[in-house]
C-alpha atoms as a PDB file:
ATOM      1  CA  CYS A   1       1.998  17.020 -25.889  1.00  0.00           C
ATOM      2  CA  PHE A   2       1.637  17.237 -29.226  1.00  0.00           C
ATOM      3  CA  GLY A   3       5.314  19.099 -29.913  1.00  0.00           C
ATOM      4  CA  ASN A   4       5.276  21.467 -27.248  1.00  0.00           C
ATOM      5  CA  GLU A   5       0.888  22.066 -27.728  1.00  0.00           C
ATOM      6  CA  ILE A   6      -1.308  20.592 -24.261  1.00  0.00           C
ATOM      7  CA  GLY A   7      -3.915  18.745 -25.453  1.00  0.00           C
ATOM      8  CA  TRP A   8      -5.190  18.141 -23.033  1.00  0.00           C
ATOM      9  CA  ILE A   9      -4.893  17.320 -18.458  1.00  0.00           C
ATOM     10  CA  VAL A  10      -7.266  15.267 -16.866  1.00  0.00           C
ATOM     11  CA  GLY A  11      -9.452  16.871 -14.952  1.00  0.00           C
ATOM     12  CA  TYR A  12      -9.054  19.514 -16.680  1.00  0.00           C
ATOM     13  CA  ARG A  13     -11.262  21.200 -20.099  1.00  0.00           C
ATOM     14  CA  ILE A  14      -9.650  19.717 -23.300  1.00  0.00           C
ATOM     15  CA  SER A  15      -7.737  22.221 -25.639  1.00  0.00           C
ATOM     16  CA  GLU A  16      -9.613  24.527 -28.218  1.00  0.00           C
ATOM     17  CA  LYS A  17      -7.172  23.662 -30.737  1.00  0.00           C
ATOM     18  CA  PHE A  18      -7.524  20.152 -30.235  1.00  0.00           C
ATOM     19  CA  LYS A  19     -11.437  19.083 -29.784  1.00  0.00           C
ATOM     20  CA  VAL A  20     -13.286  17.047 -32.377  1.00  0.00           C
ATOM     21  CA  ASP A  21     -15.095  19.484 -35.046  1.00  0.00           C
ATOM     22  CA  ASN A  22     -16.065  18.679 -38.500  1.00  0.00           C
ATOM     23  CA  ASN A  23     -12.446  18.914 -40.131  1.00  0.00           C
ATOM     24  CA  THR A  24     -11.175  16.730 -38.013  1.00  0.00           C
ATOM     25  CA  GLU A  25      -9.577  13.555 -39.606  1.00  0.00           C
ATOM     26  CA  ARG A  26      -8.184  11.418 -36.688  1.00  0.00           C
ATOM     27  CA  ILE A  27      -9.298  10.613 -32.934  1.00  0.00           C
ATOM     28  CA  LEU A  28      -7.422   8.952 -30.564  1.00  0.00           C
ATOM     29  CA  GLN A  29      -9.350   7.463 -27.590  1.00  0.00           C
ATOM     30  CA  ILE A  30      -7.199   7.176 -24.543  1.00  0.00           C
ATOM     31  CA  CYS A  31      -9.181   5.575 -21.390  1.00  0.00           C
ATOM     32  CA  ILE A  32      -8.312   6.262 -17.701  1.00  0.00           C
ATOM     33  CA  GLU A  33      -9.305   3.695 -15.099  1.00  0.00           C
ATOM     34  CA  ARG A  34      -9.412   4.801 -11.030  1.00  0.00           C
END
C-alpha cells in the first residue's frame, strides 16, 4: 500500500496508477517465490 492506495496484489493486475511509463522516476522491484 502507498498511503490509502493499493499498488498491486499478487495474482491480479497492477493498478493503472502504479504502472511504469515515460514519467516514471523510481521503480521498486519485488521478487516473490513459492
